[in-house]
């Protein structure tokens, strides 16, 4: 009973975050979904491509249920799953992600939480695992990258939130006042900093 409850809750959260990640790209130009938004090159469409690849690997080969999608060998990973080429369309990457959901969901639904799996890219003795551990791991990856997307989108146009139905018109004055209040608190705290032994020498 508790296993089914746990599986349903973890799976439900994974489904929610998948949709949230795609929503973060809603209404943006092709340039804005692709361009690097951090010094390390993190970009919105690349996050979708990466999370899709992660799911395809973990709920595929780990349980000997290979994804029907074309994937490079994990040993050959070169970071190309973290950005979109000029020839890859948003629709193609979204389609890849949605097809991966179907394959992942089939694996999750077919197996019990204690079903054994093998993650060859995890160090020993952790490579031998089970569906529960993999589901928690993939959910963590999805939450982390959806959080990245949330911050990137806020930086582009100020849009925040989990889903479209929670979106509200931005009150720019209230937002600016709130930010100024935080800035003032930070500046007020700064003079209280004491130099460390290294700084003082």
N, C-alpha and C. Protein backbone atom coordinates (compact mmCIF):
# COMPACT_ATOMS: atom_id res chain seq x y z
N UNK A 1 0.83 -1.21 0.00
CA UNK A 1 0.00 0.00 0.00
C UNK A 1 0.87 1.26 0.00
N UNK A 2 1.87 1.29 0.90
CA UNK A 2 2.72 2.48 0.97
C UNK A 2 3.56 2.63 -0.28
N UNK A 3 3.95 1.49 -0.88
CA UNK A 3 4.74 1.56 -2.11
C UNK A 3 3.96 2.23 -3.23
N UNK A 4 2.70 1.87 -3.37
CA UNK A 4 1.89 2.47 -4.43
C UNK A 4 1.65 3.95 -4.16
N UNK A 5 1.44 4.29 -2.88
CA UNK A 5 1.26 5.68 -2.51
C UNK A 5 2.52 6.48 -2.85
N UNK A 6 3.68 5.94 -2.48
CA UNK A 6 4.94 6.62 -2.76
C UNK A 6 5.17 6.77 -4.26
N UNK A 7 4.92 5.70 -4.99
CA UNK A 7 5.14 5.75 -6.43
C UNK A 7 4.21 6.76 -7.09
N UNK A 8 2.95 6.75 -6.71
CA UNK A 8 1.99 7.69 -7.30
C UNK A 8 2.38 9.14 -7.00
N UNK A 9 2.85 9.40 -5.79
CA UNK A 9 3.22 10.77 -5.43
C UNK A 9 4.48 11.22 -6.17
N UNK A 10 5.49 10.39 -6.23
CA UNK A 10 6.71 10.74 -6.94
C UNK A 10 6.44 10.92 -8.43
N UNK A 11 5.66 10.01 -8.98
CA UNK A 11 5.34 10.08 -10.41
C UNK A 11 4.50 11.31 -10.72
N UNK A 12 3.57 11.63 -9.84
CA UNK A 12 2.74 12.82 -10.04
C UNK A 12 3.56 14.09 -10.01
N UNK A 13 4.52 14.15 -9.11
CA UNK A 13 5.40 15.33 -9.04
C UNK A 13 6.26 15.44 -10.29
N UNK A 14 6.73 14.31 -10.78
CA UNK A 14 7.53 14.32 -12.00
C UNK A 14 6.71 14.84 -13.17
N UNK A 15 5.48 14.39 -13.29
CA UNK A 15 4.60 14.88 -14.37
C UNK A 15 4.39 16.38 -14.25
N UNK A 16 4.18 16.86 -13.05
CA UNK A 16 3.95 18.29 -12.84
C UNK A 16 5.15 19.11 -13.27
N UNK A 17 6.33 18.66 -12.91
CA UNK A 17 7.53 19.43 -13.23
C UNK A 17 7.88 19.36 -14.71
N UNK A 18 7.54 18.28 -15.37
CA UNK A 18 7.73 18.21 -16.82
C UNK A 18 6.95 19.33 -17.51
N UNK A 19 5.69 19.44 -17.15
CA UNK A 19 4.85 20.48 -17.76
C UNK A 19 5.34 21.87 -17.41
N UNK A 20 5.79 22.05 -16.17
CA UNK A 20 6.29 23.36 -15.75
C UNK A 20 7.51 23.76 -16.57
N UNK A 21 8.40 22.80 -16.83
CA UNK A 21 9.61 23.10 -17.60
C UNK A 21 9.24 23.58 -19.00
N UNK A 22 8.33 22.90 -19.66
CA UNK A 22 7.92 23.32 -21.00
C UNK A 22 7.26 24.70 -20.98
N UNK A 23 6.49 24.96 -19.94
CA UNK A 23 5.80 26.25 -19.85
C UNK A 23 6.78 27.40 -19.75
N UNK A 24 7.95 27.15 -19.20
CA UNK A 24 8.93 28.22 -19.06
C UNK A 24 9.39 28.78 -20.40
N UNK A 25 9.15 28.06 -21.48
CA UNK A 25 9.55 28.53 -22.82
C UNK A 25 8.38 29.16 -23.57
N UNK A 26 7.21 29.11 -22.97
CA UNK A 26 6.00 29.58 -23.64
C UNK A 26 6.09 31.07 -24.00
N UNK A 27 5.82 31.38 -25.27
CA UNK A 27 5.76 32.77 -25.70
C UNK A 27 7.09 33.42 -26.00
N UNK A 28 8.19 32.69 -25.86
CA UNK A 28 9.50 33.27 -26.12
C UNK A 28 9.93 33.07 -27.57
N UNK A 29 10.77 33.96 -28.06
CA UNK A 29 11.28 33.85 -29.43
C UNK A 29 12.25 32.69 -29.54
N UNK A 30 12.53 32.29 -30.79
CA UNK A 30 13.50 31.22 -31.01
C UNK A 30 14.87 31.60 -30.45
N UNK A 31 15.22 32.86 -30.59
CA UNK A 31 16.51 33.31 -30.07
C UNK A 31 16.55 33.20 -28.55
N UNK A 32 15.50 33.68 -27.89
CA UNK A 32 15.52 33.68 -26.43
C UNK A 32 15.49 32.29 -25.83
N UNK A 33 14.87 31.31 -26.47
CA UNK A 33 14.87 29.96 -25.89
C UNK A 33 16.20 29.26 -26.11
N UNK A 34 17.01 29.76 -27.04
CA UNK A 34 18.26 29.09 -27.39
C UNK A 34 19.51 29.78 -26.86
N UNK A 35 19.45 31.08 -26.66
CA UNK A 35 20.69 31.81 -26.36
C UNK A 35 21.21 31.50 -24.97
N UNK A 36 22.54 31.53 -24.82
CA UNK A 36 23.12 31.29 -23.49
C UNK A 36 22.78 32.43 -22.55
N UNK A 37 22.29 32.07 -21.37
CA UNK A 37 21.84 33.07 -20.41
C UNK A 37 22.69 33.10 -19.15
N UNK A 38 23.73 32.28 -19.11
CA UNK A 38 24.69 32.30 -18.02
C UNK A 38 26.09 32.22 -18.62
N UNK A 39 27.09 32.44 -17.81
CA UNK A 39 28.47 32.38 -18.32
C UNK A 39 28.85 30.97 -18.74
N UNK A 40 28.15 29.96 -18.22
CA UNK A 40 28.44 28.58 -18.61
C UNK A 40 27.60 28.10 -19.78
N UNK A 41 26.77 29.00 -20.34
CA UNK A 41 26.00 28.65 -21.53
C UNK A 41 24.63 28.08 -21.29
N UNK A 42 24.18 28.04 -20.05
CA UNK A 42 22.85 27.48 -19.77
C UNK A 42 21.78 28.21 -20.55
N UNK A 43 20.89 27.44 -21.18
CA UNK A 43 19.84 28.01 -22.02
C UNK A 43 18.58 27.19 -21.87
N UNK A 44 17.44 27.80 -22.16
CA UNK A 44 16.16 27.17 -21.86
C UNK A 44 15.87 25.92 -22.69
N UNK A 45 16.06 26.00 -24.00
CA UNK A 45 15.75 24.83 -24.83
C UNK A 45 16.75 23.70 -24.54
N UNK A 46 17.98 24.06 -24.23
CA UNK A 46 18.96 23.07 -23.85
C UNK A 46 18.59 22.33 -22.57
N UNK A 47 17.97 23.04 -21.63
CA UNK A 47 17.51 22.39 -20.41
C UNK A 47 16.46 21.32 -20.72
N UNK A 48 15.55 21.64 -21.64
CA UNK A 48 14.52 20.65 -22.03
C UNK A 48 15.19 19.44 -22.68
N UNK A 49 16.10 19.69 -23.59
CA UNK A 49 16.80 18.61 -24.29
C UNK A 49 17.57 17.73 -23.30
N UNK A 50 18.23 18.37 -22.35
CA UNK A 50 19.02 17.64 -21.36
C UNK A 50 18.14 16.78 -20.46
N UNK A 51 17.06 17.36 -19.94
CA UNK A 51 16.18 16.60 -19.05
C UNK A 51 15.53 15.44 -19.80
N UNK A 52 15.18 15.64 -21.06
CA UNK A 52 14.62 14.55 -21.87
C UNK A 52 15.64 13.43 -22.01
N UNK A 53 16.89 13.77 -22.24
CA UNK A 53 17.94 12.77 -22.39
C UNK A 53 18.15 12.01 -21.08
N UNK A 54 18.15 12.74 -19.97
CA UNK A 54 18.31 12.11 -18.65
C UNK A 54 17.20 11.09 -18.42
N UNK A 55 15.96 11.49 -18.66
CA UNK A 55 14.83 10.56 -18.48
C UNK A 55 14.95 9.36 -19.38
N UNK A 56 15.30 9.59 -20.65
CA UNK A 56 15.39 8.50 -21.60
C UNK A 56 16.42 7.46 -21.15
N UNK A 57 17.53 7.92 -20.60
CA UNK A 57 18.56 6.99 -20.14
C UNK A 57 18.13 6.25 -18.86
N UNK A 58 17.65 7.00 -17.89
CA UNK A 58 17.37 6.39 -16.59
C UNK A 58 16.19 5.43 -16.61
N UNK A 59 15.15 5.77 -17.34
CA UNK A 59 13.99 4.87 -17.37
C UNK A 59 14.05 3.93 -18.57
N UNK A 60 15.17 3.96 -19.28
CA UNK A 60 15.37 3.09 -20.43
C UNK A 60 16.39 2.02 -20.13
N UNK A 61 17.65 2.31 -20.47
CA UNK A 61 18.68 1.28 -20.37
C UNK A 61 18.93 0.80 -18.94
N UNK A 62 18.69 1.65 -17.96
CA UNK A 62 18.91 1.24 -16.56
C UNK A 62 18.06 0.02 -16.20
N UNK A 63 16.87 -0.10 -16.80
CA UNK A 63 15.98 -1.22 -16.51
C UNK A 63 15.84 -2.16 -17.71
N UNK A 64 16.83 -2.10 -18.59
CA UNK A 64 16.84 -2.95 -19.78
C UNK A 64 15.58 -2.77 -20.62
N UNK A 65 15.14 -1.51 -20.68
CA UNK A 65 14.00 -1.14 -21.51
C UNK A 65 14.44 0.04 -22.38
N UNK A 66 15.37 -0.20 -23.32
CA UNK A 66 15.98 0.90 -24.08
C UNK A 66 14.95 1.83 -24.70
N UNK A 67 15.27 3.11 -24.64
CA UNK A 67 14.40 4.12 -25.24
C UNK A 67 14.34 3.93 -26.74
N UNK A 68 13.17 4.12 -27.35
CA UNK A 68 13.09 4.06 -28.82
C UNK A 68 13.74 5.27 -29.49
N UNK A 69 14.08 6.29 -28.70
CA UNK A 69 14.73 7.47 -29.25
C UNK A 69 16.20 7.18 -29.57
N UNK A 70 16.72 7.90 -30.54
CA UNK A 70 18.12 7.76 -30.89
C UNK A 70 18.98 8.53 -29.89
N UNK A 71 19.79 7.80 -29.13
CA UNK A 71 20.66 8.42 -28.13
C UNK A 71 22.10 8.00 -28.38
N UNK A 72 23.01 8.94 -28.16
CA UNK A 72 24.42 8.56 -28.21
C UNK A 72 24.74 7.71 -26.99
N UNK A 73 25.81 6.97 -27.05
CA UNK A 73 26.22 6.18 -25.89
C UNK A 73 26.56 7.13 -24.74
N UNK A 74 26.20 6.72 -23.53
CA UNK A 74 26.47 7.60 -22.38
C UNK A 74 27.96 7.86 -22.24
N UNK A 75 28.78 6.90 -22.67
CA UNK A 75 30.23 7.08 -22.59
C UNK A 75 30.73 8.21 -23.50
N UNK A 76 29.93 8.54 -24.52
CA UNK A 76 30.33 9.56 -25.49
C UNK A 76 29.73 10.93 -25.20
N UNK A 77 29.15 11.10 -24.02
CA UNK A 77 28.51 12.37 -23.68
C UNK A 77 29.51 13.52 -23.82
N UNK A 78 29.10 14.53 -24.58
CA UNK A 78 30.00 15.66 -24.86
C UNK A 78 29.35 17.02 -24.60
N UNK A 79 28.21 17.00 -23.91
CA UNK A 79 27.52 18.26 -23.62
C UNK A 79 26.57 18.72 -24.70
N UNK A 80 26.48 17.96 -25.80
CA UNK A 80 25.61 18.39 -26.90
C UNK A 80 24.13 18.23 -26.57
N UNK A 81 23.84 17.55 -25.45
CA UNK A 81 22.43 17.44 -25.04
C UNK A 81 21.99 18.66 -24.24
N UNK A 82 22.86 19.67 -24.11
CA UNK A 82 22.53 20.84 -23.31
C UNK A 82 22.31 22.10 -24.13
N UNK A 83 22.23 21.95 -25.44
CA UNK A 83 21.91 23.09 -26.29
C UNK A 83 21.36 22.58 -27.62
N UNK A 84 20.63 23.45 -28.29
CA UNK A 84 19.99 23.08 -29.55
C UNK A 84 20.79 23.62 -30.73
N UNK A 85 21.02 22.77 -31.71
CA UNK A 85 21.68 23.24 -32.92
C UNK A 85 20.71 24.09 -33.72
N UNK A 86 21.23 24.82 -34.69
CA UNK A 86 20.37 25.68 -35.53
C UNK A 86 19.36 24.85 -36.30
N UNK A 87 19.70 23.58 -36.57
CA UNK A 87 18.80 22.72 -37.36
C UNK A 87 17.73 22.03 -36.52
N UNK A 88 17.88 22.04 -35.21
CA UNK A 88 16.89 21.40 -34.35
C UNK A 88 15.78 22.40 -34.01
N UNK A 89 14.55 22.02 -34.24
CA UNK A 89 13.45 22.92 -33.94
C UNK A 89 12.96 22.71 -32.51
N UNK A 90 12.30 23.72 -32.03
CA UNK A 90 11.67 23.61 -30.70
C UNK A 90 10.69 22.45 -30.69
N UNK A 91 9.93 22.31 -31.77
CA UNK A 91 8.93 21.25 -31.84
C UNK A 91 9.59 19.87 -31.79
N UNK A 92 10.74 19.72 -32.43
CA UNK A 92 11.44 18.43 -32.39
C UNK A 92 11.88 18.08 -30.98
N UNK A 93 12.43 19.05 -30.28
CA UNK A 93 12.92 18.79 -28.92
C UNK A 93 11.76 18.56 -27.96
N UNK A 94 10.69 19.34 -28.10
CA UNK A 94 9.50 19.10 -27.28
C UNK A 94 8.94 17.71 -27.58
N UNK A 95 8.91 17.33 -28.86
CA UNK A 95 8.40 16.01 -29.24
C UNK A 95 9.24 14.90 -28.63
N UNK A 96 10.54 15.07 -28.65
CA UNK A 96 11.45 14.11 -28.03
C UNK A 96 11.14 13.98 -26.54
N UNK A 97 10.95 15.10 -25.88
CA UNK A 97 10.64 15.08 -24.45
C UNK A 97 9.31 14.38 -24.19
N UNK A 98 8.29 14.70 -24.96
CA UNK A 98 6.97 14.09 -24.73
C UNK A 98 6.97 12.59 -25.03
N UNK A 99 7.69 12.16 -26.07
CA UNK A 99 7.79 10.72 -26.34
C UNK A 99 8.56 10.01 -25.24
N UNK A 100 9.55 10.71 -24.69
CA UNK A 100 10.30 10.15 -23.58
C UNK A 100 9.40 9.98 -22.36
N UNK A 101 8.49 10.95 -22.13
CA UNK A 101 7.54 10.80 -21.02
C UNK A 101 6.77 9.49 -21.16
N UNK A 102 6.30 9.23 -22.36
CA UNK A 102 5.48 8.03 -22.58
C UNK A 102 6.28 6.78 -22.26
N UNK A 103 7.53 6.74 -22.71
CA UNK A 103 8.37 5.57 -22.44
C UNK A 103 8.69 5.46 -20.95
N UNK A 104 9.02 6.60 -20.33
CA UNK A 104 9.32 6.60 -18.89
C UNK A 104 8.10 6.17 -18.09
N UNK A 105 6.95 6.72 -18.44
CA UNK A 105 5.72 6.38 -17.71
C UNK A 105 5.41 4.89 -17.82
N UNK A 106 5.66 4.32 -18.99
CA UNK A 106 5.43 2.88 -19.17
C UNK A 106 6.34 2.07 -18.26
N UNK A 107 7.59 2.50 -18.14
CA UNK A 107 8.53 1.81 -17.25
C UNK A 107 8.08 1.94 -15.80
N UNK A 108 7.75 3.15 -15.39
CA UNK A 108 7.32 3.39 -14.01
C UNK A 108 6.07 2.59 -13.69
N UNK A 109 5.12 2.57 -14.61
CA UNK A 109 3.86 1.86 -14.36
C UNK A 109 4.04 0.34 -14.35
N UNK A 110 5.00 -0.15 -15.13
CA UNK A 110 5.16 -1.60 -15.28
C UNK A 110 5.94 -2.25 -14.13
N UNK A 111 6.78 -1.47 -13.46
CA UNK A 111 7.69 -2.05 -12.48
C UNK A 111 7.35 -1.65 -11.05
N UNK A 112 7.61 -2.55 -10.09
CA UNK A 112 7.45 -2.17 -8.69
C UNK A 112 8.62 -1.30 -8.25
N UNK A 113 8.47 -0.59 -7.14
CA UNK A 113 9.53 0.31 -6.68
C UNK A 113 10.84 -0.41 -6.37
N UNK A 114 10.76 -1.68 -6.02
CA UNK A 114 12.00 -2.41 -5.71
C UNK A 114 12.58 -3.15 -6.92
N UNK A 115 12.05 -2.87 -8.12
CA UNK A 115 12.58 -3.51 -9.33
C UNK A 115 14.05 -3.14 -9.49
N UNK A 116 14.92 -4.13 -9.71
CA UNK A 116 16.35 -3.84 -9.80
C UNK A 116 16.71 -3.14 -11.11
N UNK A 117 17.70 -2.26 -11.00
CA UNK A 117 18.22 -1.58 -12.18
C UNK A 117 19.72 -1.43 -12.05
N UNK A 118 20.37 -1.15 -13.16
CA UNK A 118 21.83 -0.97 -13.14
C UNK A 118 22.18 0.32 -13.87
N UNK A 119 22.86 1.22 -13.15
CA UNK A 119 23.27 2.51 -13.71
C UNK A 119 24.78 2.43 -13.96
N UNK A 120 25.21 2.12 -15.19
CA UNK A 120 26.64 1.89 -15.43
C UNK A 120 27.50 3.13 -15.24
N UNK A 121 26.90 4.33 -15.27
CA UNK A 121 27.69 5.55 -15.09
C UNK A 121 27.76 5.99 -13.63
N UNK A 122 27.14 5.25 -12.72
CA UNK A 122 27.29 5.50 -11.29
C UNK A 122 28.46 4.67 -10.75
N UNK A 123 29.23 5.22 -9.82
CA UNK A 123 30.36 4.45 -9.27
C UNK A 123 29.88 3.30 -8.39
N UNK A 124 30.71 2.30 -8.30
CA UNK A 124 30.41 1.18 -7.39
C UNK A 124 30.56 1.67 -5.94
N UNK A 125 29.77 1.15 -5.02
CA UNK A 125 28.80 0.06 -5.18
C UNK A 125 27.39 0.56 -5.50
N UNK A 126 27.26 1.81 -5.96
CA UNK A 126 25.93 2.40 -6.14
C UNK A 126 25.26 2.08 -7.47
N UNK A 127 26.02 1.46 -8.38
CA UNK A 127 25.45 1.25 -9.72
C UNK A 127 24.27 0.27 -9.71
N UNK A 128 24.23 -0.62 -8.74
CA UNK A 128 23.10 -1.55 -8.63
C UNK A 128 22.06 -0.89 -7.73
N UNK A 129 20.91 -0.61 -8.30
CA UNK A 129 19.92 0.21 -7.60
C UNK A 129 18.52 -0.33 -7.88
N UNK A 130 17.50 0.50 -7.67
CA UNK A 130 16.13 0.06 -7.95
C UNK A 130 15.30 1.24 -8.46
N UNK A 131 14.07 0.95 -8.83
CA UNK A 131 13.21 1.97 -9.42
C UNK A 131 12.98 3.14 -8.45
N UNK A 132 12.82 2.84 -7.18
CA UNK A 132 12.59 3.92 -6.22
C UNK A 132 13.74 4.93 -6.25
N UNK A 133 14.96 4.46 -6.16
CA UNK A 133 16.12 5.34 -6.14
C UNK A 133 16.24 6.12 -7.44
N UNK A 134 15.96 5.47 -8.55
CA UNK A 134 16.05 6.15 -9.85
C UNK A 134 14.95 7.19 -9.99
N UNK A 135 13.75 6.86 -9.55
CA UNK A 135 12.65 7.82 -9.62
C UNK A 135 12.95 9.06 -8.79
N UNK A 136 13.50 8.87 -7.59
CA UNK A 136 13.88 10.01 -6.75
C UNK A 136 14.99 10.82 -7.43
N UNK A 137 15.96 10.12 -8.01
CA UNK A 137 17.07 10.81 -8.68
C UNK A 137 16.59 11.64 -9.86
N UNK A 138 15.77 11.06 -10.72
CA UNK A 138 15.29 11.78 -11.90
C UNK A 138 14.38 12.93 -11.49
N UNK A 139 13.57 12.73 -10.47
CA UNK A 139 12.73 13.82 -9.98
C UNK A 139 13.62 14.97 -9.48
N UNK A 140 14.68 14.64 -8.77
CA UNK A 140 15.61 15.67 -8.32
C UNK A 140 16.23 16.44 -9.47
N UNK A 141 16.62 15.72 -10.52
CA UNK A 141 17.18 16.37 -11.71
C UNK A 141 16.15 17.31 -12.35
N UNK A 142 14.92 16.83 -12.45
CA UNK A 142 13.86 17.63 -13.08
C UNK A 142 13.56 18.88 -12.28
N UNK A 143 13.46 18.73 -10.97
CA UNK A 143 13.19 19.89 -10.10
C UNK A 143 14.33 20.91 -10.22
N UNK A 144 15.56 20.41 -10.18
CA UNK A 144 16.73 21.30 -10.24
C UNK A 144 16.73 22.10 -11.54
N UNK A 145 16.53 21.42 -12.65
CA UNK A 145 16.61 22.12 -13.93
C UNK A 145 15.37 22.98 -14.20
N UNK A 146 14.23 22.59 -13.67
CA UNK A 146 13.06 23.45 -13.78
C UNK A 146 13.28 24.72 -12.98
N UNK A 147 13.96 24.60 -11.84
CA UNK A 147 14.33 25.79 -11.06
C UNK A 147 15.28 26.69 -11.84
N UNK A 148 16.24 26.08 -12.54
CA UNK A 148 17.13 26.87 -13.40
C UNK A 148 16.30 27.65 -14.43
N UNK A 149 15.37 26.93 -15.06
CA UNK A 149 14.55 27.56 -16.09
C UNK A 149 13.71 28.69 -15.51
N UNK A 150 13.25 28.52 -14.30
CA UNK A 150 12.44 29.54 -13.63
C UNK A 150 13.24 30.84 -13.48
N UNK A 151 14.47 30.72 -13.04
CA UNK A 151 15.31 31.89 -12.86
C UNK A 151 15.69 32.52 -14.21
N UNK A 152 15.99 31.68 -15.19
CA UNK A 152 16.34 32.22 -16.51
C UNK A 152 15.17 32.99 -17.11
N UNK A 153 13.97 32.43 -16.98
CA UNK A 153 12.80 33.10 -17.55
C UNK A 153 12.53 34.42 -16.83
N UNK A 154 12.69 34.42 -15.52
CA UNK A 154 12.49 35.66 -14.76
C UNK A 154 13.47 36.73 -15.24
N UNK A 155 14.70 36.30 -15.54
CA UNK A 155 15.69 37.25 -16.03
C UNK A 155 15.37 37.81 -17.40
N UNK A 156 14.64 37.04 -18.21
CA UNK A 156 14.29 37.50 -19.55
C UNK A 156 13.16 38.52 -19.54
N UNK A 157 12.07 38.17 -18.88
CA UNK A 157 10.91 39.07 -18.96
C UNK A 157 10.14 39.21 -17.65
N UNK A 158 10.72 38.70 -16.56
CA UNK A 158 10.09 38.85 -15.26
C UNK A 158 8.99 37.85 -14.98
N UNK A 159 8.71 36.95 -15.92
CA UNK A 159 7.61 36.00 -15.72
C UNK A 159 8.03 34.90 -14.75
N UNK A 160 7.18 34.63 -13.78
CA UNK A 160 7.46 33.61 -12.78
C UNK A 160 6.25 32.71 -12.61
N UNK A 161 6.40 31.69 -11.79
CA UNK A 161 5.27 30.82 -11.48
C UNK A 161 5.48 29.41 -11.96
N UNK A 162 4.57 28.53 -11.53
CA UNK A 162 4.67 27.11 -11.84
C UNK A 162 3.87 26.74 -13.07
N UNK A 163 2.71 27.35 -13.22
CA UNK A 163 1.84 27.03 -14.36
C UNK A 163 1.12 28.28 -14.81
N UNK A 164 0.61 28.23 -16.03
CA UNK A 164 -0.06 29.39 -16.61
C UNK A 164 -1.21 29.89 -15.76
N UNK A 165 -1.96 28.96 -15.16
CA UNK A 165 -3.14 29.38 -14.39
C UNK A 165 -2.77 30.13 -13.12
N UNK A 166 -1.50 30.05 -12.70
CA UNK A 166 -1.06 30.79 -11.53
C UNK A 166 -0.43 32.13 -11.88
N UNK A 167 -0.32 32.39 -13.16
CA UNK A 167 0.30 33.63 -13.59
C UNK A 167 -0.55 34.84 -13.23
N UNK A 168 0.11 35.91 -12.85
CA UNK A 168 -0.58 37.15 -12.51
C UNK A 168 0.11 38.30 -13.22
N UNK A 169 -0.65 39.35 -13.49
CA UNK A 169 -0.04 40.54 -14.06
C UNK A 169 0.99 41.09 -13.08
N UNK A 170 2.16 41.40 -13.61
CA UNK A 170 3.23 41.89 -12.75
C UNK A 170 3.00 43.35 -12.37
N UNK A 171 3.04 43.60 -11.07
CA UNK A 171 2.97 44.96 -10.56
C UNK A 171 4.41 45.46 -10.45
N UNK A 172 4.86 46.19 -11.46
CA UNK A 172 6.25 46.60 -11.54
C UNK A 172 6.66 47.49 -10.36
N UNK A 173 5.76 48.35 -9.92
CA UNK A 173 6.08 49.22 -8.79
C UNK A 173 6.29 48.42 -7.52
N UNK A 174 5.38 47.49 -7.26
CA UNK A 174 5.49 46.66 -6.06
C UNK A 174 6.73 45.79 -6.12
N UNK A 175 7.02 45.26 -7.30
CA UNK A 175 8.21 44.41 -7.45
C UNK A 175 9.49 45.22 -7.20
N UNK A 176 9.54 46.43 -7.74
CA UNK A 176 10.72 47.29 -7.56
C UNK A 176 10.90 47.67 -6.09
N UNK A 177 9.79 47.94 -5.42
CA UNK A 177 9.85 48.32 -4.00
C UNK A 177 10.34 47.14 -3.15
N UNK A 178 9.85 45.96 -3.49
CA UNK A 178 10.25 44.75 -2.77
C UNK A 178 11.74 44.48 -2.96
N UNK A 179 12.21 44.60 -4.19
CA UNK A 179 13.62 44.39 -4.48
C UNK A 179 14.49 45.43 -3.76
N UNK A 180 14.04 46.68 -3.76
CA UNK A 180 14.78 47.75 -3.08
C UNK A 180 14.89 47.48 -1.58
N UNK A 181 13.84 46.92 -1.01
CA UNK A 181 13.86 46.60 0.42
C UNK A 181 14.91 45.54 0.73
N UNK A 182 14.99 44.53 -0.14
CA UNK A 182 16.00 43.48 0.04
C UNK A 182 17.40 44.04 -0.15
N UNK A 183 17.55 44.89 -1.16
CA UNK A 183 18.86 45.52 -1.42
C UNK A 183 19.31 46.35 -0.22
N UNK A 184 18.38 47.09 0.37
CA UNK A 184 18.72 47.92 1.52
C UNK A 184 19.15 47.06 2.71
N UNK A 185 18.46 45.95 2.92
CA UNK A 185 18.83 45.04 4.01
C UNK A 185 20.23 44.49 3.79
N UNK A 186 20.55 44.15 2.54
CA UNK A 186 21.88 43.62 2.23
C UNK A 186 22.96 44.67 2.47
N UNK A 187 22.69 45.91 2.04
CA UNK A 187 23.68 46.98 2.24
C UNK A 187 23.86 47.31 3.72
N UNK A 188 22.78 47.25 4.47
CA UNK A 188 22.86 47.53 5.90
C UNK A 188 23.68 46.47 6.63
N UNK A 189 23.60 45.24 6.16
CA UNK A 189 24.34 44.15 6.80
C UNK A 189 25.82 44.18 6.43
N UNK A 190 26.14 44.69 5.26
CA UNK A 190 27.52 44.65 4.76
C UNK A 190 28.54 45.31 5.69
N UNK A 191 28.26 46.49 6.29
CA UNK A 191 29.28 47.11 7.17
C UNK A 191 29.60 46.28 8.41
N UNK A 192 28.72 45.35 8.76
CA UNK A 192 28.96 44.54 9.95
C UNK A 192 29.96 43.41 9.70
N UNK A 193 30.32 43.21 8.44
CA UNK A 193 31.27 42.14 8.12
C UNK A 193 32.63 42.46 8.74
N UNK A 194 33.23 41.47 9.33
CA UNK A 194 34.56 41.63 9.90
C UNK A 194 35.57 40.94 8.99
N UNK A 195 36.73 41.52 8.81
CA UNK A 195 37.73 40.86 7.97
C UNK A 195 38.19 39.55 8.57
N UNK A 196 38.42 38.57 7.73
CA UNK A 196 38.94 37.30 8.21
C UNK A 196 40.43 37.46 8.46
N UNK A 197 41.04 36.44 9.05
CA UNK A 197 42.46 36.47 9.34
C UNK A 197 43.26 36.67 8.07
N UNK A 198 42.80 36.04 6.97
CA UNK A 198 43.50 36.17 5.68
C UNK A 198 43.39 37.61 5.17
N UNK A 199 42.15 38.18 5.29
CA UNK A 199 41.94 39.56 4.82
C UNK A 199 42.79 40.55 5.61
N UNK A 200 42.95 40.31 6.91
CA UNK A 200 43.60 41.27 7.77
C UNK A 200 45.13 41.25 7.60
N UNK A 201 45.65 40.15 7.07
CA UNK A 201 47.11 40.05 6.96
C UNK A 201 47.66 40.86 5.80
